[in-house]
Amino acid sequence: MALKNKIHISCKDATLLTCKKQDSALTLKERIQLKIHLFICTVCALFYKQSNLIHNHLTKLNGEQNTDTFIHLEEDKKDALQQMLDTKSKK
């Protein structure tokens, strides 16, 4: 029973590990936990695939358009987003 509690993770934890994996390396324990969860949960497995697909496309897009590690918005788009956020936060 104790081993099950150490290996089994929730969908929320699997989602967090999926996102963490894109930014940094997972520990051995985290990799095992994630693989077991993805084997059992088809919804999280789909999220994992889609998240990796989006991450890979954005990384490729970023590499083609910029030499930086960030994707930059044009100033007018930044201003428009800021105005929209200001408007929403006043409500």
PDB file of N, CA and C in Angstrom:
ATOM      1  N   MET A   1       0.820  -1.198   0.000  1.00  0.00           N
ATOM      2  CA  MET A   1       0.000   0.000   0.000  1.00  0.00           C
ATOM      3  C   MET A   1       0.863   1.261   0.000  1.00  0.00           C
ATOM      4  N   ALA A   2       1.944   1.257   0.763  1.00  0.00           N
ATOM      5  CA  ALA A   2       2.807   2.433   0.842  1.00  0.00           C
ATOM      6  C   ALA A   2       3.491   2.697  -0.493  1.00  0.00           C
ATOM      7  N   LEU A   3       3.859   1.629  -1.201  1.00  0.00           N
ATOM      8  CA  LEU A   3       4.495   1.786  -2.510  1.00  0.00           C
ATOM      9  C   LEU A   3       3.533   2.424  -3.499  1.00  0.00           C
ATOM     10  N   LYS A   4       2.268   2.033  -3.438  1.00  0.00           N
ATOM     11  CA  LYS A   4       1.268   2.613  -4.332  1.00  0.00           C
ATOM     12  C   LYS A   4       1.150   4.116  -4.103  1.00  0.00           C
ATOM     13  N   ASN A   5       1.181   4.554  -2.867  1.00  0.00           N
ATOM     14  CA  ASN A   5       1.072   5.979  -2.544  1.00  0.00           C
ATOM     15  C   ASN A   5       2.280   6.764  -3.020  1.00  0.00           C
ATOM     16  N   LYS A   6       3.448   6.120  -3.103  1.00  0.00           N
ATOM     17  CA  LYS A   6       4.653   6.800  -3.562  1.00  0.00           C
ATOM     18  C   LYS A   6       4.707   6.888  -5.085  1.00  0.00           C
ATOM     19  N   ILE A   7       4.091   5.935  -5.759  1.00  0.00           N
ATOM     20  CA  ILE A   7       4.156   5.888  -7.219  1.00  0.00           C
ATOM     21  C   ILE A   7       2.967   6.594  -7.862  1.00  0.00           C
ATOM     22  N   HIS A   8       1.790   6.407  -7.305  1.00  0.00           N
ATOM     23  CA  HIS A   8       0.576   6.958  -7.911  1.00  0.00           C
ATOM     24  C   HIS A   8       0.497   8.461  -7.683  1.00  0.00           C
ATOM     25  N   ILE A   9       0.238   9.201  -8.753  1.00  0.00           N
ATOM     26  CA  ILE A   9       0.070  10.655  -8.647  1.00  0.00           C
ATOM     27  C   ILE A   9      -1.276  11.042  -9.238  1.00  0.00           C
ATOM     28  N   SER A  10      -1.748  12.198  -8.883  1.00  0.00           N
ATOM     29  CA  SER A  10      -3.022  12.686  -9.387  1.00  0.00           C
ATOM     30  C   SER A  10      -2.851  13.279 -10.783  1.00  0.00           C
ATOM     31  N   CYS A  11      -3.959  13.532 -11.437  1.00  0.00           N
ATOM     32  CA  CYS A  11      -3.920  14.175 -12.757  1.00  0.00           C
ATOM     33  C   CYS A  11      -3.298  15.570 -12.656  1.00  0.00           C
ATOM     34  N   LYS A  12      -3.580  16.264 -11.570  1.00  0.00           N
ATOM     35  CA  LYS A  12      -3.004  17.598 -11.366  1.00  0.00           C
ATOM     36  C   LYS A  12      -1.482  17.510 -11.285  1.00  0.00           C
ATOM     37  N   ASP A  13      -0.971  16.540 -10.543  1.00  0.00           N
ATOM     38  CA  ASP A  13       0.476  16.360 -10.440  1.00  0.00           C
ATOM     39  C   ASP A  13       1.081  15.961 -11.778  1.00  0.00           C
ATOM     40  N   ALA A  14       0.374  15.122 -12.535  1.00  0.00           N
ATOM     41  CA  ALA A  14       0.865  14.710 -13.852  1.00  0.00           C
ATOM     42  C   ALA A  14       0.946  15.912 -14.792  1.00  0.00           C
ATOM     43  N   THR A  15      -0.028  16.803 -14.702  1.00  0.00           N
ATOM     44  CA  THR A  15      -0.022  18.013 -15.523  1.00  0.00           C
ATOM     45  C   THR A  15       1.161  18.900 -15.147  1.00  0.00           C
ATOM     46  N   LEU A  16       1.392  19.051 -13.853  1.00  0.00           N
ATOM     47  CA  LEU A  16       2.522  19.861 -13.393  1.00  0.00           C
ATOM     48  C   LEU A  16       3.852  19.267 -13.849  1.00  0.00           C
ATOM     49  N   LEU A  17       3.987  17.944 -13.775  1.00  0.00           N
ATOM     50  CA  LEU A  17       5.224  17.298 -14.224  1.00  0.00           C
ATOM     51  C   LEU A  17       5.407  17.428 -15.731  1.00  0.00           C
ATOM     52  N   THR A  18       4.312  17.372 -16.472  1.00  0.00           N
ATOM     53  CA  THR A  18       4.382  17.555 -17.925  1.00  0.00           C
ATOM     54  C   THR A  18       4.934  18.934 -18.253  1.00  0.00           C
ATOM     55  N   CYS A  19       4.439  19.940 -17.570  1.00  0.00           N
ATOM     56  CA  CYS A  19       4.909  21.307 -17.808  1.00  0.00           C
ATOM     57  C   CYS A  19       6.347  21.487 -17.323  1.00  0.00           C
ATOM     58  N   LYS A  20       6.663  20.889 -16.183  1.00  0.00           N
ATOM     59  CA  LYS A  20       8.015  20.997 -15.642  1.00  0.00           C
ATOM     60  C   LYS A  20       9.031  20.355 -16.582  1.00  0.00           C
ATOM     61  N   LYS A  21       8.641  19.255 -17.211  1.00  0.00           N
ATOM     62  CA  LYS A  21       9.526  18.525 -18.111  1.00  0.00           C
ATOM     63  C   LYS A  21       9.973  19.388 -19.292  1.00  0.00           C
ATOM     64  N   GLN A  22       9.145  20.331 -19.702  1.00  0.00           N
ATOM     65  CA  GLN A  22       9.480  21.191 -20.829  1.00  0.00           C
ATOM     66  C   GLN A  22      10.528  22.237 -20.450  1.00  0.00           C
ATOM     67  N   ASP A  23      10.622  22.558 -19.183  1.00  0.00           N
ATOM     68  CA  ASP A  23      11.554  23.589 -18.726  1.00  0.00           C
ATOM     69  C   ASP A  23      12.826  23.030 -18.111  1.00  0.00           C
ATOM     70  N   SER A  24      12.734  21.873 -17.485  1.00  0.00           N
ATOM     71  CA  SER A  24      13.897  21.299 -16.821  1.00  0.00           C
ATOM     72  C   SER A  24      13.770  19.778 -16.784  1.00  0.00           C
ATOM     73  N   ALA A  25      14.834  19.145 -16.370  1.00  0.00           N
ATOM     74  CA  ALA A  25      14.834  17.689 -16.295  1.00  0.00           C
ATOM     75  C   ALA A  25      14.072  17.212 -15.061  1.00  0.00           C
ATOM     76  N   LEU A  26      13.365  16.111 -15.221  1.00  0.00           N
ATOM     77  CA  LEU A  26      12.661  15.507 -14.099  1.00  0.00           C
ATOM     78  C   LEU A  26      13.594  14.537 -13.380  1.00  0.00           C
ATOM     79  N   THR A  27      13.330  14.354 -12.102  1.00  0.00           N
ATOM     80  CA  THR A  27      14.083  13.354 -11.354  1.00  0.00           C
ATOM     81  C   THR A  27      13.636  11.968 -11.803  1.00  0.00           C
ATOM     82  N   LEU A  28      14.389  10.953 -11.435  1.00  0.00           N
ATOM     83  CA  LEU A  28      14.030   9.585 -11.796  1.00  0.00           C
ATOM     84  C   LEU A  28      12.655   9.233 -11.242  1.00  0.00           C
ATOM     85  N   LYS A  29      12.408   9.603  -9.996  1.00  0.00           N
ATOM     86  CA  LYS A  29      11.122   9.327  -9.362  1.00  0.00           C
ATOM     87  C   LYS A  29       9.989  10.006 -10.125  1.00  0.00           C
ATOM     88  N   GLU A  30      10.183  11.267 -10.505  1.00  0.00           N
ATOM     89  CA  GLU A  30       9.148  12.004 -11.238  1.00  0.00           C
ATOM     90  C   GLU A  30       8.895  11.380 -12.607  1.00  0.00           C
ATOM     91  N   ARG A  31       9.966  10.968 -13.286  1.00  0.00           N
ATOM     92  CA  ARG A  31       9.796  10.332 -14.600  1.00  0.00           C
ATOM     93  C   ARG A  31       8.999   9.040 -14.491  1.00  0.00           C
ATOM     94  N   ILE A  32       9.298   8.243 -13.480  1.00  0.00           N
ATOM     95  CA  ILE A  32       8.573   6.981 -13.286  1.00  0.00           C
ATOM     96  C   ILE A  32       7.114   7.255 -12.959  1.00  0.00           C
ATOM     97  N   GLN A  33       6.882   8.195 -12.041  1.00  0.00           N
ATOM     98  CA  GLN A  33       5.508   8.532 -11.670  1.00  0.00           C
ATOM     99  C   GLN A  33       4.716   9.009 -12.881  1.00  0.00           C
ATOM    100  N   LEU A  34       5.323   9.870 -13.691  1.00  0.00           N
ATOM    101  CA  LEU A  34       4.633  10.404 -14.863  1.00  0.00           C
ATOM    102  C   LEU A  34       4.349   9.303 -15.877  1.00  0.00           C
ATOM    103  N   LYS A  35       5.325   8.457 -16.155  1.00  0.00           N
ATOM    104  CA  LYS A  35       5.121   7.382 -17.132  1.00  0.00           C
ATOM    105  C   LYS A  35       4.006   6.438 -16.701  1.00  0.00           C
ATOM    106  N   ILE A  36       3.983   6.081 -15.427  1.00  0.00           N
ATOM    107  CA  ILE A  36       2.926   5.190 -14.932  1.00  0.00           C
ATOM    108  C   ILE A  36       1.570   5.866 -15.059  1.00  0.00           C
ATOM    109  N   HIS A  37       1.507   7.131 -14.682  1.00  0.00           N
ATOM    110  CA  HIS A  37       0.231   7.839 -14.768  1.00  0.00           C
ATOM    111  C   HIS A  37      -0.245   7.958 -16.221  1.00  0.00           C
ATOM    112  N   LEU A  38       0.668   8.278 -17.127  1.00  0.00           N
ATOM    113  CA  LEU A  38       0.298   8.420 -18.535  1.00  0.00           C
ATOM    114  C   LEU A  38      -0.138   7.092 -19.130  1.00  0.00           C
ATOM    115  N   PHE A  39       0.397   5.997 -18.638  1.00  0.00           N
ATOM    116  CA  PHE A  39      -0.009   4.670 -19.103  1.00  0.00           C
ATOM    117  C   PHE A  39      -1.445   4.371 -18.688  1.00  0.00           C
ATOM    118  N   ILE A  40      -1.829   4.866 -17.513  1.00  0.00           N
ATOM    119  CA  ILE A  40      -3.159   4.592 -16.970  1.00  0.00           C
ATOM    120  C   ILE A  40      -4.202   5.602 -17.450  1.00  0.00           C
ATOM    121  N   CYS A  41      -3.847   6.864 -17.519  1.00  0.00           N
ATOM    122  CA  CYS A  41      -4.817   7.945 -17.772  1.00  0.00           C
ATOM    123  C   CYS A  41      -4.708   8.445 -19.215  1.00  0.00           C
ATOM    124  N   THR A  42      -5.703   8.158 -20.010  1.00  0.00           N
ATOM    125  CA  THR A  42      -5.671   8.558 -21.426  1.00  0.00           C
ATOM    126  C   THR A  42      -5.838  10.065 -21.599  1.00  0.00           C
ATOM    127  N   VAL A  43      -6.536  10.714 -20.692  1.00  0.00           N
ATOM    128  CA  VAL A  43      -6.727  12.162 -20.788  1.00  0.00           C
ATOM    129  C   VAL A  43      -5.392  12.879 -20.571  1.00  0.00           C
ATOM    130  N   CYS A  44      -4.663  12.476 -19.560  1.00  0.00           N
ATOM    131  CA  CYS A  44      -3.355  13.091 -19.299  1.00  0.00           C
ATOM    132  C   CYS A  44      -2.355  12.744 -20.400  1.00  0.00           C
ATOM    133  N   ALA A  45      -2.471  11.538 -20.952  1.00  0.00           N
ATOM    134  CA  ALA A  45      -1.586  11.156 -22.054  1.00  0.00           C
ATOM    135  C   ALA A  45      -1.833  12.052 -23.262  1.00  0.00           C
ATOM    136  N   LEU A  46      -3.092  12.370 -23.523  1.00  0.00           N
ATOM    137  CA  LEU A  46      -3.422  13.278 -24.621  1.00  0.00           C
ATOM    138  C   LEU A  46      -2.888  14.681 -24.339  1.00  0.00           C
ATOM    139  N   PHE A  47      -3.064  15.158 -23.102  1.00  0.00           N
ATOM    140  CA  PHE A  47      -2.522  16.465 -22.722  1.00  0.00           C
ATOM    141  C   PHE A  47      -1.012  16.492 -22.906  1.00  0.00           C
ATOM    142  N   TYR A  48      -0.337  15.429 -22.502  1.00  0.00           N
ATOM    143  CA  TYR A  48       1.119  15.323 -22.622  1.00  0.00           C
ATOM    144  C   TYR A  48       1.541  15.442 -24.088  1.00  0.00           C
ATOM    145  N   LYS A  49       0.862  14.716 -24.964  1.00  0.00           N
ATOM    146  CA  LYS A  49       1.194  14.760 -26.396  1.00  0.00           C
ATOM    147  C   LYS A  49       0.949  16.150 -26.974  1.00  0.00           C
ATOM    148  N   GLN A  50      -0.202  16.731 -26.655  1.00  0.00           N
ATOM    149  CA  GLN A  50      -0.536  18.052 -27.184  1.00  0.00           C
ATOM    150  C   GLN A  50       0.393  19.123 -26.632  1.00  0.00           C
ATOM    151  N   SER A  51       0.720  19.027 -25.372  1.00  0.00           N
ATOM    152  CA  SER A  51       1.616  20.001 -24.757  1.00  0.00           C
ATOM    153  C   SER A  51       3.000  19.939 -25.397  1.00  0.00           C
ATOM    154  N   ASN A  52       3.503  18.745 -25.622  1.00  0.00           N
ATOM    155  CA  ASN A  52       4.802  18.598 -26.279  1.00  0.00           C
ATOM    156  C   ASN A  52       4.764  19.111 -27.711  1.00  0.00           C
ATOM    157  N   LEU A  53       3.670  18.856 -28.408  1.00  0.00           N
ATOM    158  CA  LEU A  53       3.530  19.332 -29.784  1.00  0.00           C
ATOM    159  C   LEU A  53       3.562  20.859 -29.828  1.00  0.00           C
ATOM    160  N   ILE A  54       2.806  21.494 -28.954  1.00  0.00           N
ATOM    161  CA  ILE A  54       2.774  22.958 -28.899  1.00  0.00           C
ATOM    162  C   ILE A  54       4.151  23.499 -28.512  1.00  0.00           C
ATOM    163  N   HIS A  55       4.776  22.903 -27.516  1.00  0.00           N
ATOM    164  CA  HIS A  55       6.099  23.351 -27.068  1.00  0.00           C
ATOM    165  C   HIS A  55       7.120  23.237 -28.206  1.00  0.00           C
ATOM    166  N   ASN A  56       7.109  22.123 -28.921  1.00  0.00           N
ATOM    167  CA  ASN A  56       8.050  21.930 -30.025  1.00  0.00           C
ATOM    168  C   ASN A  56       7.821  22.930 -31.149  1.00  0.00           C
ATOM    169  N   HIS A  57       6.564  23.202 -31.466  1.00  0.00           N
ATOM    170  CA  HIS A  57       6.265  24.172 -32.516  1.00  0.00           C
ATOM    171  C   HIS A  57       6.678  25.584 -32.104  1.00  0.00           C
ATOM    172  N   LEU A  58       6.413  25.955 -30.870  1.00  0.00           N
ATOM    173  CA  LEU A  58       6.806  27.288 -30.401  1.00  0.00           C
ATOM    174  C   LEU A  58       8.319  27.433 -30.344  1.00  0.00           C
ATOM    175  N   THR A  59       8.989  26.378 -29.928  1.00  0.00           N
ATOM    176  CA  THR A  59      10.451  26.410 -29.895  1.00  0.00           C
ATOM    177  C   THR A  59      11.006  26.574 -31.303  1.00  0.00           C
ATOM    178  N   LYS A  60      10.431  25.840 -32.249  1.00  0.00           N
ATOM    179  CA  LYS A  60      10.863  25.942 -33.646  1.00  0.00           C
ATOM    180  C   LYS A  60      10.567  27.329 -34.194  1.00  0.00           C
ATOM    181  N   LEU A  61       9.381  27.838 -33.923  1.00  0.00           N
ATOM    182  CA  LEU A  61       8.997  29.172 -34.376  1.00  0.00           C
ATOM    183  C   LEU A  61       9.921  30.225 -33.782  1.00  0.00           C
ATOM    184  N   ASN A  62      10.218  30.105 -32.520  1.00  0.00           N
ATOM    185  CA  ASN A  62      11.102  31.048 -31.846  1.00  0.00           C
ATOM    186  C   ASN A  62      12.499  30.999 -32.465  1.00  0.00           C
ATOM    187  N   GLY A  63      12.980  29.823 -32.774  1.00  0.00           N
ATOM    188  CA  GLY A  63      14.300  29.677 -33.365  1.00  0.00           C
ATOM    189  C   GLY A  63      14.386  30.248 -34.765  1.00  0.00           C
ATOM    190  N   GLU A  64      13.293  30.200 -35.515  1.00  0.00           N
ATOM    191  CA  GLU A  64      13.286  30.715 -36.884  1.00  0.00           C
ATOM    192  C   GLU A  64      13.156  32.229 -36.927  1.00  0.00           C
ATOM    193  N   GLN A  65      12.452  32.817 -35.980  1.00  0.00           N
ATOM    194  CA  GLN A  65      12.177  34.249 -36.033  1.00  0.00           C
ATOM    195  C   GLN A  65      13.131  35.076 -35.183  1.00  0.00           C
ATOM    196  N   ASN A  66      13.623  34.525 -34.103  1.00  0.00           N
ATOM    197  CA  ASN A  66      14.434  35.289 -33.164  1.00  0.00           C
ATOM    198  C   ASN A  66      15.697  34.522 -32.808  1.00  0.00           C
ATOM    199  N   THR A  67      16.723  35.248 -32.500  1.00  0.00           N
ATOM    200  CA  THR A  67      17.920  34.607 -31.970  1.00  0.00           C
ATOM    201  C   THR A  67      17.879  34.606 -30.454  1.00  0.00           C
ATOM    202  N   ASP A  68      16.946  35.352 -29.870  1.00  0.00           N
ATOM    203  CA  ASP A  68      16.766  35.381 -28.414  1.00  0.00           C
ATOM    204  C   ASP A  68      16.092  34.091 -27.966  1.00  0.00           C
ATOM    205  N   THR A  69      15.902  33.984 -26.659  1.00  0.00           N
ATOM    206  CA  THR A  69      15.160  32.850 -26.125  1.00  0.00           C
ATOM    207  C   THR A  69      13.700  33.225 -25.874  1.00  0.00           C
ATOM    208  N   PHE A  70      13.306  34.433 -26.254  1.00  0.00           N
ATOM    209  CA  PHE A  70      11.937  34.888 -26.025  1.00  0.00           C
ATOM    210  C   PHE A  70      11.284  35.269 -27.341  1.00  0.00           C
ATOM    211  N   ILE A  71       9.969  35.102 -27.381  1.00  0.00           N
ATOM    212  CA  ILE A  71       9.188  35.582 -28.512  1.00  0.00           C
ATOM    213  C   ILE A  71       8.721  36.984 -28.150  1.00  0.00           C
ATOM    214  N   HIS A  72       8.971  37.948 -29.029  1.00  0.00           N
ATOM    215  CA  HIS A  72       8.654  39.339 -28.745  1.00  0.00           C
ATOM    216  C   HIS A  72       7.394  39.765 -29.499  1.00  0.00           C
ATOM    217  N   LEU A  73       6.546  40.519 -28.801  1.00  0.00           N
ATOM    218  CA  LEU A  73       5.378  41.113 -29.428  1.00  0.00           C
ATOM    219  C   LEU A  73       5.726  42.505 -29.929  1.00  0.00           C
ATOM    220  N   GLU A  74       5.024  42.903 -30.959  1.00  0.00           N
ATOM    221  CA  GLU A  74       5.198  44.264 -31.450  1.00  0.00           C
ATOM    222  C   GLU A  74       4.605  45.214 -30.416  1.00  0.00           C
ATOM    223  N   GLU A  75       5.128  46.434 -30.363  1.00  0.00           N
ATOM    224  CA  GLU A  75       4.721  47.398 -29.345  1.00  0.00           C
ATOM    225  C   GLU A  75       3.218  47.701 -29.377  1.00  0.00           C
ATOM    226  N   ASP A  76       2.632  47.833 -30.571  1.00  0.00           N
ATOM    227  CA  ASP A  76       1.201  48.144 -30.648  1.00  0.00           C
ATOM    228  C   ASP A  76       0.355  46.990 -30.102  1.00  0.00           C
ATOM    229  N   LYS A  77       0.802  45.755 -30.302  1.00  0.00           N
ATOM    230  CA  LYS A  77       0.078  44.612 -29.755  1.00  0.00           C
ATOM    231  C   LYS A  77       0.231  44.544 -28.242  1.00  0.00           C
ATOM    232  N   LYS A  78       1.413  44.893 -27.749  1.00  0.00           N
ATOM    233  CA  LYS A  78       1.615  44.945 -26.300  1.00  0.00           C
ATOM    234  C   LYS A  78       0.690  45.976 -25.672  1.00  0.00           C
ATOM    235  N   ASP A  79       0.611  47.158 -26.295  1.00  0.00           N
ATOM    236  CA  ASP A  79      -0.250  48.217 -25.772  1.00  0.00           C
ATOM    237  C   ASP A  79      -1.711  47.793 -25.770  1.00  0.00           C
ATOM    238  N   ALA A  80      -2.144  47.140 -26.841  1.00  0.00           N
ATOM    239  CA  ALA A  80      -3.530  46.685 -26.926  1.00  0.00           C
ATOM    240  C   ALA A  80      -3.829  45.654 -25.845  1.00  0.00           C
ATOM    241  N   LEU A  81      -2.920  44.722 -25.623  1.00  0.00           N
ATOM    242  CA  LEU A  81      -3.104  43.728 -24.566  1.00  0.00           C
ATOM    243  C   LEU A  81      -3.132  44.381 -23.192  1.00  0.00           C
ATOM    244  N   GLN A  82      -2.255  45.347 -22.977  1.00  0.00           N
ATOM    245  CA  GLN A  82      -2.210  46.022 -21.686  1.00  0.00           C
ATOM    246  C   GLN A  82      -3.501  46.772 -21.425  1.00  0.00           C
ATOM    247  N   GLN A  83      -4.035  47.437 -22.451  1.00  0.00           N
ATOM    248  CA  GLN A  83      -5.297  48.153 -22.294  1.00  0.00           C
ATOM    249  C   GLN A  83      -6.431  47.190 -21.979  1.00  0.00           C
ATOM    250  N   MET A  84      -6.445  46.037 -22.648  1.00  0.00           N
ATOM    251  CA  MET A  84      -7.485  45.050 -22.406  1.00  0.00           C
ATOM    252  C   MET A  84      -7.380  44.515 -20.973  1.00  0.00           C
ATOM    253  N   LEU A  85      -6.158  44.252 -20.504  1.00  0.00           N
ATOM    254  CA  LEU A  85      -5.987  43.786 -19.135  1.00  0.00           C
ATOM    255  C   LEU A  85      -6.398  44.848 -18.117  1.00  0.00           C
ATOM    256  N   ASP A  86      -6.055  46.098 -18.391  1.00  0.00           N
ATOM    257  CA  ASP A  86      -6.447  47.183 -17.496  1.00  0.00           C
ATOM    258  C   ASP A  86      -7.965  47.303 -17.416  1.00  0.00           C
ATOM    259  N   THR A  87      -8.622  47.183 -18.546  1.00  0.00           N
ATOM    260  CA  THR A  87     -10.074  47.280 -18.592  1.00  0.00           C
ATOM    261  C   THR A  87     -10.715  46.140 -17.800  1.00  0.00           C
ATOM    262  N   LYS A  88     -10.208  44.930 -17.984  1.00  0.00           N
ATOM    263  CA  LYS A  88     -10.760  43.750 -17.292  1.00  0.00           C
ATOM    264  C   LYS A  88     -10.502  43.831 -15.787  1.00  0.00           C
ATOM    265  N   SER A  89      -9.360  44.357 -15.389  1.00  0.00           N
ATOM    266  CA  SER A  89      -9.038  44.396 -13.957  1.00  0.00           C
ATOM    267  C   SER A  89      -9.857  45.469 -13.224  1.00  0.00           C
ATOM    268  N   LYS A  90     -10.378  46.463 -13.932  1.00  0.00           N
ATOM    269  CA  LYS A  90     -11.191  47.506 -13.296  1.00  0.00           C
ATOM    270  C   LYS A  90     -12.604  47.043 -13.001  1.00  0.00           C
ATOM    271  N   LYS A  91     -13.029  45.953 -13.641  1.00  0.00           N
ATOM    272  CA  LYS A  91     -14.410  45.457 -13.459  1.00  0.00           C
ATOM    273  C   LYS A  91     -14.588  44.791 -12.134  1.00  0.00           C
TER     274      LYS A  91
END
